Amino acid sequence: MKLLELIKEAEARKVAIGHFNISDLAGLNAIIRAAKDLGVPVVVGVSEGEEKFIGRKTAVALIRSLREEYGYPVFLNADHSHSFERVREVVEAGFDSVIFDASKLSFEENVRQTKEVVEWVKSKYPDVIVEGELGYIGSASEVQKEIPAGAAIREEDLTSPEQAKEFVEKTGVEMLAPAVGNIHGIIVAPGFEERLNIGRIRAIREAVSVPLVLHGASGLPDQDFREAIQAGINLIHINTEIRVAWRKGVEEGLRANPDEVAPYKILPKAENAVYEVVKRRLELFGKL
């Protein structure tokens, strides 16, 4: 099945598909192993920085080889593309989906640029999914001591159902990532607790005809995930949580083998740490 078909199937079952970013083979192996162990589809994402580190064509080749070797539903997404040029490059390279993120711009400019991207992609690569983002939620997948400047956290700044409907209709995006209380990264600012506005998710889903995507999901409480999926979230992005797990795993591997210099003897700890996070999240998203 194609990715969009799987997402719509997940919507019908009131579950969500997991999206996890990678920077190396340890992370990729962990994600694929967890998805295969649970028997669920999975989306692997690379941001602009991750893509530059791994290599655009290398990322495509890795996912294709895994899909062909195992006959497994794993897909590659270009996470947060901020320019038409990047969209063109990843789509031509063979990515399955792309997120065009103009969320920091005005509503009108976001619509204009996103519409241009959708029209170009669908005219040349109709099977590639184009996702749009409406509402700024920060951009850094890291542990942060302050709320990102300009991030939509007040209720009046969240994506409205009316704007979501207009955005989808005018741009033609096939999936929408709204701002509903979510923020990129894990925020450890004193007194701040990241919580989703479930009512807003439900209202947006009722207003639009496309699946909803939750970005910036690292660190959210499990109950928020359960309620968000029930309200209409169909695809969930996790990155910071697995980055934190990866680092802890590397540190553990180095402590356990202080004189070791072979990466393949150190990194299994990182892979296993990422595996546990991914498996736990996939179980939650899929009600397993």
C-alpha atoms as a PDB file:
ATOM      1  CA  MET A   1       0.000   0.000   0.000  1.00  0.00           C
ATOM      2  CA  LYS A   2       1.035   3.597  -0.553  1.00  0.00           C
ATOM      3  CA  LEU A   3       1.780   5.856   2.399  1.00  0.00           C
ATOM      4  CA  LEU A   4      -1.333   8.001   2.070  1.00  0.00           C
ATOM      5  CA  GLU A   5      -3.488   4.874   1.903  1.00  0.00           C
ATOM      6  CA  LEU A   6      -1.878   3.566   5.093  1.00  0.00           C
ATOM      7  CA  ILE A   7      -2.438   6.891   6.839  1.00  0.00           C
ATOM      8  CA  LYS A   8      -6.106   6.920   5.855  1.00  0.00           C
ATOM      9  CA  GLU A   9      -6.417   3.326   7.017  1.00  0.00           C
ATOM     10  CA  ALA A  10      -4.896   4.350  10.353  1.00  0.00           C
ATOM     11  CA  GLU A  11      -7.420   7.174  10.566  1.00  0.00           C
ATOM     12  CA  ALA A  12     -10.285   4.737  10.084  1.00  0.00           C
ATOM     13  CA  ARG A  13      -8.899   2.553  12.878  1.00  0.00           C
ATOM     14  CA  LYS A  14      -8.326   5.541  15.197  1.00  0.00           C
ATOM     15  CA  VAL A  15      -4.588   4.893  15.427  1.00  0.00           C
ATOM     16  CA  ALA A  16      -1.558   6.849  14.221  1.00  0.00           C
ATOM     17  CA  ILE A  17       1.591   6.039  12.257  1.00  0.00           C
ATOM     18  CA  GLY A  18       4.939   6.995  13.760  1.00  0.00           C
ATOM     19  CA  HIS A  19       7.486   9.253  12.059  1.00  0.00           C
ATOM     20  CA  PHE A  20      11.051   9.157  13.411  1.00  0.00           C
ATOM     21  CA  ASN A  21      14.094  11.092  12.241  1.00  0.00           C
ATOM     22  CA  ILE A  22      17.529   9.605  11.676  1.00  0.00           C
ATOM     23  CA  SER A  23      21.111  10.822  11.584  1.00  0.00           C
ATOM     24  CA  ASP A  24      22.934   7.490  11.348  1.00  0.00           C
ATOM     25  CA  LEU A  25      22.553   3.747  10.797  1.00  0.00           C
ATOM     26  CA  ALA A  26      22.146   3.031  14.500  1.00  0.00           C
ATOM     27  CA  GLY A  27      18.988   5.116  14.571  1.00  0.00           C
ATOM     28  CA  LEU A  28      17.693   3.708  11.291  1.00  0.00           C
ATOM     29  CA  ASN A  29      18.273   0.111  12.371  1.00  0.00           C
ATOM     30  CA  ALA A  30      16.491   0.778  15.662  1.00  0.00           C
ATOM     31  CA  ILE A  31      13.444   2.283  13.948  1.00  0.00           C
ATOM     32  CA  ILE A  32      13.116  -0.505  11.394  1.00  0.00           C
ATOM     33  CA  ARG A  33      13.634  -3.208  14.017  1.00  0.00           C
ATOM     34  CA  ALA A  34      10.954  -1.755  16.293  1.00  0.00           C
ATOM     35  CA  ALA A  35       8.443  -1.377  13.453  1.00  0.00           C
ATOM     36  CA  LYS A  36       9.091  -4.907  12.192  1.00  0.00           C
ATOM     37  CA  ASP A  37       8.819  -6.397  15.680  1.00  0.00           C
ATOM     38  CA  LEU A  38       5.409  -4.766  16.082  1.00  0.00           C
ATOM     39  CA  GLY A  39       4.268  -5.313  12.497  1.00  0.00           C
ATOM     40  CA  VAL A  40       3.404  -1.677  11.800  1.00  0.00           C
ATOM     41  CA  PRO A  41       4.329   0.726   8.985  1.00  0.00           C
ATOM     42  CA  VAL A  42       6.747   3.530   9.776  1.00  0.00           C
ATOM     43  CA  VAL A  43       7.984   6.782   8.280  1.00  0.00           C
ATOM     44  CA  VAL A  44      11.655   7.741   8.478  1.00  0.00           C
ATOM     45  CA  GLY A  45      12.382  11.448   8.268  1.00  0.00           C
ATOM     46  CA  VAL A  46      15.429  13.571   7.583  1.00  0.00           C
ATOM     47  CA  SER A  47      15.567  17.288   8.232  1.00  0.00           C
ATOM     48  CA  GLU A  48      17.654  19.551   6.032  1.00  0.00           C
ATOM     49  CA  GLY A  49      20.584  19.155   8.443  1.00  0.00           C
ATOM     50  CA  GLU A  50      20.174  15.390   8.766  1.00  0.00           C
ATOM     51  CA  GLU A  51      19.893  15.040   5.004  1.00  0.00           C
ATOM     52  CA  LYS A  52      23.115  16.997   4.516  1.00  0.00           C
ATOM     53  CA  PHE A  53      24.930  14.755   7.006  1.00  0.00           C
ATOM     54  CA  ILE A  54      23.628  11.435   5.661  1.00  0.00           C
ATOM     55  CA  GLY A  55      23.417  12.375   2.006  1.00  0.00           C
ATOM     56  CA  ARG A  56      20.219  12.844   0.027  1.00  0.00           C
ATOM     57  CA  LYS A  57      20.717   9.949  -2.375  1.00  0.00           C
ATOM     58  CA  THR A  58      22.173   7.779   0.375  1.00  0.00           C
ATOM     59  CA  ALA A  59      19.008   8.204   2.455  1.00  0.00           C
ATOM     60  CA  VAL A  60      16.851   7.225  -0.526  1.00  0.00           C
ATOM     61  CA  ALA A  61      19.036   4.195  -1.282  1.00  0.00           C
ATOM     62  CA  LEU A  62      18.923   3.024   2.339  1.00  0.00           C
ATOM     63  CA  ILE A  63      15.137   3.148   2.571  1.00  0.00           C
ATOM     64  CA  ARG A  64      14.647   1.551  -0.835  1.00  0.00           C
ATOM     65  CA  SER A  65      17.036  -1.273   0.000  1.00  0.00           C
ATOM     66  CA  LEU A  66      15.238  -1.982   3.282  1.00  0.00           C
ATOM     67  CA  ARG A  67      11.848  -1.888   1.584  1.00  0.00           C
ATOM     68  CA  GLU A  68      13.027  -4.258  -1.141  1.00  0.00           C
ATOM     69  CA  GLU A  69      14.900  -6.610   1.183  1.00  0.00           C
ATOM     70  CA  TYR A  70      12.100  -7.033   3.700  1.00  0.00           C
ATOM     71  CA  GLY A  71       9.067  -6.101   1.607  1.00  0.00           C
ATOM     72  CA  TYR A  72       8.241  -3.800   4.489  1.00  0.00           C
ATOM     73  CA  PRO A  73       6.168  -0.570   4.506  1.00  0.00           C
ATOM     74  CA  VAL A  74       8.871   1.954   5.399  1.00  0.00           C
ATOM     75  CA  PHE A  75       8.779   5.397   3.800  1.00  0.00           C
ATOM     76  CA  LEU A  76      11.145   8.360   3.526  1.00  0.00           C
ATOM     77  CA  ASN A  77      10.029  11.902   4.284  1.00  0.00           C
ATOM     78  CA  ALA A  78      11.844  15.194   3.702  1.00  0.00           C
ATOM     79  CA  ASP A  79      11.155  16.899   7.008  1.00  0.00           C
ATOM     80  CA  HIS A  80      10.645  20.676   7.108  1.00  0.00           C
ATOM     81  CA  SER A  81      11.709  21.861   3.679  1.00  0.00           C
ATOM     82  CA  HIS A  82      11.880  25.649   3.697  1.00  0.00           C
ATOM     83  CA  SER A  83      12.542  26.324   0.026  1.00  0.00           C
ATOM     84  CA  PHE A  84      11.207  25.309  -3.361  1.00  0.00           C
ATOM     85  CA  GLU A  85      14.735  24.266  -4.321  1.00  0.00           C
ATOM     86  CA  ARG A  86      14.978  21.745  -1.501  1.00  0.00           C
ATOM     87  CA  VAL A  87      11.566  20.340  -2.403  1.00  0.00           C
ATOM     88  CA  ARG A  88      12.683  19.876  -5.996  1.00  0.00           C
ATOM     89  CA  GLU A  89      15.922  18.172  -4.950  1.00  0.00           C
ATOM     90  CA  VAL A  90      14.371  15.650  -2.572  1.00  0.00           C
ATOM     91  CA  VAL A  91      11.439  14.817  -4.817  1.00  0.00           C
ATOM     92  CA  GLU A  92      13.714  14.236  -7.792  1.00  0.00           C
ATOM     93  CA  ALA A  93      15.967  12.094  -5.591  1.00  0.00           C
ATOM     94  CA  GLY A  94      13.100   9.732  -4.780  1.00  0.00           C
ATOM     95  CA  PHE A  95      11.612  10.741  -1.413  1.00  0.00           C
ATOM     96  CA  ASP A  96       8.093   9.444  -0.743  1.00  0.00           C
ATOM     97  CA  SER A  97       6.809  12.630   0.864  1.00  0.00           C
ATOM     98  CA  VAL A  98       7.867  16.176   1.606  1.00  0.00           C
ATOM     99  CA  ILE A  99       6.856  18.793   4.141  1.00  0.00           C
ATOM    100  CA  PHE A 100       6.949  22.334   2.874  1.00  0.00           C
ATOM    101  CA  ASP A 101       7.251  24.567   5.914  1.00  0.00           C
ATOM    102  CA  ALA A 102       6.500  28.246   5.399  1.00  0.00           C
ATOM    103  CA  SER A 103       4.850  28.548   8.805  1.00  0.00           C
ATOM    104  CA  LYS A 104       6.953  31.555   9.888  1.00  0.00           C
ATOM    105  CA  LEU A 105       5.583  33.596   7.001  1.00  0.00           C
ATOM    106  CA  SER A 106       2.265  35.410   6.823  1.00  0.00           C
ATOM    107  CA  PHE A 107      -0.805  33.316   6.103  1.00  0.00           C
ATOM    108  CA  GLU A 108      -1.077  34.761   2.608  1.00  0.00           C
ATOM    109  CA  GLU A 109       2.571  34.098   1.756  1.00  0.00           C
ATOM    110  CA  ASN A 110       2.422  30.618   3.268  1.00  0.00           C
ATOM    111  CA  VAL A 111      -0.563  29.863   1.041  1.00  0.00           C
ATOM    112  CA  ARG A 112       1.118  31.282  -2.060  1.00  0.00           C
ATOM    113  CA  GLN A 113       4.391  29.395  -1.656  1.00  0.00           C
ATOM    114  CA  THR A 114       2.797  26.137  -0.536  1.00  0.00           C
ATOM    115  CA  LYS A 115       0.366  26.195  -3.464  1.00  0.00           C
ATOM    116  CA  GLU A 116       3.270  26.687  -5.858  1.00  0.00           C
ATOM    117  CA  VAL A 117       5.089  23.697  -4.352  1.00  0.00           C
ATOM    118  CA  VAL A 118       2.009  21.460  -4.465  1.00  0.00           C
ATOM    119  CA  GLU A 119       1.250  22.304  -8.084  1.00  0.00           C
ATOM    120  CA  TRP A 120       4.822  21.602  -9.204  1.00  0.00           C
ATOM    121  CA  VAL A 121       5.174  18.330  -7.282  1.00  0.00           C
ATOM    122  CA  LYS A 122       1.812  16.910  -8.319  1.00  0.00           C
ATOM    123  CA  SER A 123       2.373  17.836 -11.974  1.00  0.00           C
ATOM    124  CA  LYS A 124       5.636  15.898 -12.130  1.00  0.00           C
ATOM    125  CA  TYR A 125       5.540  13.339  -9.290  1.00  0.00           C
ATOM    126  CA  PRO A 126       1.866  12.673  -8.518  1.00  0.00           C
ATOM    127  CA  ASP A 127       2.623   9.847  -6.068  1.00  0.00           C
ATOM    128  CA  VAL A 128       4.707  12.068  -3.776  1.00  0.00           C
ATOM    129  CA  ILE A 129       2.750  13.383  -0.788  1.00  0.00           C
ATOM    130  CA  VAL A 130       2.985  17.100  -0.017  1.00  0.00           C
ATOM    131  CA  GLU A 131       2.315  18.260   3.533  1.00  0.00           C
ATOM    132  CA  GLY A 132       1.845  21.864   4.567  1.00  0.00           C
ATOM    133  CA  GLU A 133       2.374  23.503   7.946  1.00  0.00           C
ATOM    134  CA  LEU A 134       0.170  26.194   9.443  1.00  0.00           C
ATOM    135  CA  GLY A 135       1.212  27.827  12.711  1.00  0.00           C
ATOM    136  CA  TYR A 136       4.783  28.263  13.940  1.00  0.00           C
ATOM    137  CA  ILE A 137       5.939  25.830  16.653  1.00  0.00           C
ATOM    138  CA  GLY A 138       9.695  26.459  16.719  1.00  0.00           C
ATOM    139  CA  SER A 139      12.272  24.537  14.719  1.00  0.00           C
ATOM    140  CA  ALA A 140      14.931  22.953  16.955  1.00  0.00           C
ATOM    141  CA  SER A 141      14.739  19.246  17.846  1.00  0.00           C
ATOM    142  CA  GLU A 142      16.697  19.598  21.070  1.00  0.00           C
ATOM    143  CA  VAL A 143      16.264  20.097  24.800  1.00  0.00           C
ATOM    144  CA  GLN A 144      15.521  23.802  25.265  1.00  0.00           C
ATOM    145  CA  LYS A 145      15.511  25.938  28.396  1.00  0.00           C
ATOM    146  CA  GLU A 146      13.235  28.552  26.857  1.00  0.00           C
ATOM    147  CA  ILE A 147      10.112  28.532  24.723  1.00  0.00           C
ATOM    148  CA  PRO A 148      11.115  29.342  21.112  1.00  0.00           C
ATOM    149  CA  ALA A 149      10.461  32.964  20.208  1.00  0.00           C
ATOM    150  CA  GLY A 150       7.261  33.344  18.239  1.00  0.00           C
ATOM    151  CA  ALA A 151       5.999  29.822  18.918  1.00  0.00           C
ATOM    152  CA  ALA A 152       2.213  29.518  19.045  1.00  0.00           C
ATOM    153  CA  ILE A 153       1.389  28.543  22.622  1.00  0.00           C
ATOM    154  CA  ARG A 154      -1.442  30.920  23.530  1.00  0.00           C
ATOM    155  CA  GLU A 155      -4.859  29.667  22.501  1.00  0.00           C
ATOM    156  CA  GLU A 156      -5.438  32.682  20.282  1.00  0.00           C
ATOM    157  CA  ASP A 157      -2.215  31.916  18.377  1.00  0.00           C
ATOM    158  CA  LEU A 158      -3.040  28.287  17.604  1.00  0.00           C
ATOM    159  CA  THR A 159      -4.176  27.245  14.140  1.00  0.00           C
ATOM    160  CA  SER A 160      -7.868  28.004  13.767  1.00  0.00           C
ATOM    161  CA  PRO A 161     -10.305  25.630  12.037  1.00  0.00           C
ATOM    162  CA  GLU A 162     -11.288  28.418   9.647  1.00  0.00           C
ATOM    163  CA  GLN A 163      -7.718  29.128   8.564  1.00  0.00           C
ATOM    164  CA  ALA A 164      -6.950  25.417   8.326  1.00  0.00           C
ATOM    165  CA  LYS A 165      -9.895  24.894   5.986  1.00  0.00           C
ATOM    166  CA  GLU A 166      -8.934  27.865   3.827  1.00  0.00           C
ATOM    167  CA  PHE A 167      -5.283  26.799   3.748  1.00  0.00           C
ATOM    168  CA  VAL A 168      -6.063  23.248   2.646  1.00  0.00           C
ATOM    169  CA  GLU A 169      -8.553  24.344   0.006  1.00  0.00           C
ATOM    170  CA  LYS A 170      -6.291  27.017  -1.477  1.00  0.00           C
ATOM    171  CA  THR A 171      -3.026  25.042  -1.460  1.00  0.00           C
ATOM    172  CA  GLY A 172      -4.142  21.497  -2.230  1.00  0.00           C
ATOM    173  CA  VAL A 173      -1.895  19.926   0.424  1.00  0.00           C
ATOM    174  CA  GLU A 174      -2.594  16.264   1.161  1.00  0.00           C
ATOM    175  CA  MET A 175      -1.715  16.472   4.857  1.00  0.00           C
ATOM    176  CA  LEU A 176      -1.735  19.345   7.325  1.00  0.00           C
ATOM    177  CA  ALA A 177       0.483  20.019  10.342  1.00  0.00           C
ATOM    178  CA  PRO A 178      -1.293  22.539  12.613  1.00  0.00           C
ATOM    179  CA  ALA A 179      -0.151  24.337  15.749  1.00  0.00           C
ATOM    180  CA  VAL A 180      -2.266  22.860  18.544  1.00  0.00           C
ATOM    181  CA  GLY A 181      -0.102  23.373  21.623  1.00  0.00           C
ATOM    182  CA  ASN A 182       2.831  21.338  20.316  1.00  0.00           C
ATOM    183  CA  ILE A 183       6.378  22.737  20.219  1.00  0.00           C
ATOM    184  CA  HIS A 184       9.520  21.365  18.599  1.00  0.00           C
ATOM    185  CA  GLY A 185      12.045  19.952  21.035  1.00  0.00           C
ATOM    186  CA  ILE A 186      11.660  19.207  24.723  1.00  0.00           C
ATOM    187  CA  ILE A 187      11.064  22.381  26.731  1.00  0.00           C
ATOM    188  CA  VAL A 188      12.450  22.435  30.276  1.00  0.00           C
ATOM    189  CA  ALA A 189      11.574  26.066  31.038  1.00  0.00           C
ATOM    190  CA  PRO A 190      10.524  26.543  34.686  1.00  0.00           C
ATOM    191  CA  GLY A 191       6.775  26.305  35.146  1.00  0.00           C
ATOM    192  CA  PHE A 192       6.075  25.293  31.545  1.00  0.00           C
ATOM    193  CA  GLU A 193       4.203  22.118  30.671  1.00  0.00           C
ATOM    194  CA  GLU A 194       3.571  21.299  27.030  1.00  0.00           C
ATOM    195  CA  ARG A 195      -0.009  20.131  26.549  1.00  0.00           C
ATOM    196  CA  LEU A 196      -2.104  19.693  23.444  1.00  0.00           C
ATOM    197  CA  ASN A 197      -5.389  21.475  22.837  1.00  0.00           C
ATOM    198  CA  ILE A 198      -7.503  18.427  22.055  1.00  0.00           C
ATOM    199  CA  GLY A 199     -10.612  20.460  21.320  1.00  0.00           C
ATOM    200  CA  ARG A 200      -8.713  22.455  18.705  1.00  0.00           C
ATOM    201  CA  ILE A 201      -7.446  19.261  17.048  1.00  0.00           C
ATOM    202  CA  ARG A 202     -10.989  17.918  16.861  1.00  0.00           C
ATOM    203  CA  ALA A 203     -12.333  21.174  15.426  1.00  0.00           C
ATOM    204  CA  ILE A 204      -9.610  21.346  12.767  1.00  0.00           C
ATOM    205  CA  ARG A 205     -10.150  17.735  11.753  1.00  0.00           C
ATOM    206  CA  GLU A 206     -13.856  18.410  11.325  1.00  0.00           C
ATOM    207  CA  ALA A 207     -13.065  21.451   9.175  1.00  0.00           C
ATOM    208  CA  VAL A 208     -10.569  19.878   6.757  1.00  0.00           C
ATOM    209  CA  SER A 209     -10.645  16.911   4.417  1.00  0.00           C
ATOM    210  CA  VAL A 210      -7.037  15.765   4.853  1.00  0.00           C
ATOM    211  CA  PRO A 211      -5.133  13.807   7.532  1.00  0.00           C
ATOM    212  CA  LEU A 212      -3.540  15.761  10.385  1.00  0.00           C
ATOM    213  CA  VAL A 213       0.105  15.492  11.414  1.00  0.00           C
ATOM    214  CA  LEU A 214       1.496  16.215  14.873  1.00  0.00           C
ATOM    215  CA  HIS A 215       4.980  17.713  14.899  1.00  0.00           C
ATOM    216  CA  GLY A 216       7.001  18.539  18.000  1.00  0.00           C
ATOM    217  CA  ALA A 217       5.583  15.582  19.898  1.00  0.00           C
ATOM    218  CA  SER A 218       8.633  14.681  21.995  1.00  0.00           C
ATOM    219  CA  GLY A 219       8.014  14.921  25.715  1.00  0.00           C
ATOM    220  CA  LEU A 220       4.223  14.972  25.595  1.00  0.00           C
ATOM    221  CA  PRO A 221       2.326  12.884  28.167  1.00  0.00           C
ATOM    222  CA  ASP A 222       0.889   9.590  26.943  1.00  0.00           C
ATOM    223  CA  GLN A 223      -2.675  10.691  27.615  1.00  0.00           C
ATOM    224  CA  ASP A 224      -2.273  13.643  25.254  1.00  0.00           C
ATOM    225  CA  PHE A 225      -1.251  11.235  22.498  1.00  0.00           C
ATOM    226  CA  ARG A 226      -4.249   8.991  23.135  1.00  0.00           C
ATOM    227  CA  GLU A 227      -6.687  11.889  23.068  1.00  0.00           C
ATOM    228  CA  ALA A 228      -5.026  13.547  20.065  1.00  0.00           C
ATOM    229  CA  ILE A 229      -5.265  10.362  18.010  1.00  0.00           C
ATOM    230  CA  GLN A 230      -8.897   9.951  18.975  1.00  0.00           C
ATOM    231  CA  ALA A 231      -9.512  13.587  17.979  1.00  0.00           C
ATOM    232  CA  GLY A 232      -7.989  13.173  14.516  1.00  0.00           C
ATOM    233  CA  ILE A 233      -4.169  13.030  14.514  1.00  0.00           C
ATOM    234  CA  ASN A 234      -2.963  10.399  12.026  1.00  0.00           C
ATOM    235  CA  LEU A 235       0.835  10.806  11.858  1.00  0.00           C
ATOM    236  CA  ILE A 236       3.120  11.694  14.789  1.00  0.00           C
ATOM    237  CA  HIS A 237       6.686  13.019  14.609  1.00  0.00           C
ATOM    238  CA  ILE A 238       9.265  12.096  17.250  1.00  0.00           C
ATOM    239  CA  ASN A 239      12.850  13.311  17.055  1.00  0.00           C
ATOM    240  CA  THR A 240      14.224  14.902  20.234  1.00  0.00           C
ATOM    241  CA  GLU A 241      13.310  11.884  22.368  1.00  0.00           C
ATOM    242  CA  ILE A 242      15.343   9.544  20.191  1.00  0.00           C
ATOM    243  CA  ARG A 243      18.243  11.999  19.983  1.00  0.00           C
ATOM    244  CA  VAL A 244      18.383  12.082  23.782  1.00  0.00           C
ATOM    245  CA  ALA A 245      18.190   8.273  23.914  1.00  0.00           C
ATOM    246  CA  TRP A 246      20.933   7.973  21.268  1.00  0.00           C
ATOM    247  CA  ARG A 247      23.294  10.185  23.248  1.00  0.00           C
ATOM    248  CA  LYS A 248      22.652   8.332  26.496  1.00  0.00           C
ATOM    249  CA  GLY A 249      23.282   5.060  24.673  1.00  0.00           C
ATOM    250  CA  VAL A 250      26.587   6.299  23.262  1.00  0.00           C
ATOM    251  CA  GLU A 251      27.672   7.472  26.705  1.00  0.00           C
ATOM    252  CA  GLU A 252      26.717   4.101  28.177  1.00  0.00           C
ATOM    253  CA  GLY A 253      28.639   2.299  25.448  1.00  0.00           C
ATOM    254  CA  LEU A 254      31.737   4.373  26.146  1.00  0.00           C
ATOM    255  CA  ARG A 255      31.486   3.811  29.896  1.00  0.00           C
ATOM    256  CA  ALA A 256      31.097   0.072  29.389  1.00  0.00           C
ATOM    257  CA  ASN A 257      34.049  -0.036  26.968  1.00  0.00           C
ATOM    258  CA  PRO A 258      36.334   2.889  27.886  1.00  0.00           C
ATOM    259  CA  ASP A 259      39.225   1.621  25.757  1.00  0.00           C
ATOM    260  CA  GLU A 260      37.135   0.585  22.750  1.00  0.00           C
ATOM    261  CA  VAL A 261      37.630   2.455  19.467  1.00  0.00           C
ATOM    262  CA  ALA A 262      35.461   0.375  17.099  1.00  0.00           C
ATOM    263  CA  PRO A 263      32.156   2.207  16.529  1.00  0.00           C
ATOM    264  CA  TYR A 264      30.262  -1.023  15.834  1.00  0.00           C
ATOM    265  CA  LYS A 265      31.118  -2.196  19.347  1.00  0.00           C
ATOM    266  CA  ILE A 266      30.037   1.059  21.004  1.00  0.00           C
ATOM    267  CA  LEU A 267      26.952   2.051  19.008  1.00  0.00           C
ATOM    268  CA  PRO A 268      24.763  -1.005  19.744  1.00  0.00           C
ATOM    269  CA  LYS A 269      23.984   0.643  23.095  1.00  0.00           C
ATOM    270  CA  ALA A 270      22.732   3.697  21.204  1.00  0.00           C
ATOM    271  CA  GLU A 271      20.708   1.551  18.817  1.00  0.00           C
ATOM    272  CA  ASN A 272      19.065  -0.327  21.670  1.00  0.00           C
ATOM    273  CA  ALA A 273      18.244   2.904  23.506  1.00  0.00           C
ATOM    274  CA  VAL A 274      16.575   4.346  20.401  1.00  0.00           C
ATOM    275  CA  TYR A 275      14.791   1.039  19.792  1.00  0.00           C
ATOM    276  CA  GLU A 276      13.152   1.162  23.220  1.00  0.00           C
ATOM    277  CA  VAL A 277      11.853   4.702  22.661  1.00  0.00           C
ATOM    278  CA  VAL A 278      10.536   3.934  19.173  1.00  0.00           C
ATOM    279  CA  LYS A 279       8.920   0.672  20.237  1.00  0.00           C
ATOM    280  CA  ARG A 280       7.203   2.311  23.198  1.00  0.00           C
ATOM    281  CA  ARG A 281       5.875   5.136  21.037  1.00  0.00           C
ATOM    282  CA  LEU A 282       4.686   2.810  18.262  1.00  0.00           C
ATOM    283  CA  GLU A 283       2.853   0.673  20.804  1.00  0.00           C
ATOM    284  CA  LEU A 284       1.109   3.778  22.116  1.00  0.00           C
ATOM    285  CA  PHE A 285       0.282   5.203  18.679  1.00  0.00           C
ATOM    286  CA  GLY A 286      -1.026   1.870  17.398  1.00  0.00           C
ATOM    287  CA  LYS A 287      -2.900   0.878  20.577  1.00  0.00           C
ATOM    288  CA  LEU A 288      -0.835  -2.311  20.720  1.00  0.00           C
END
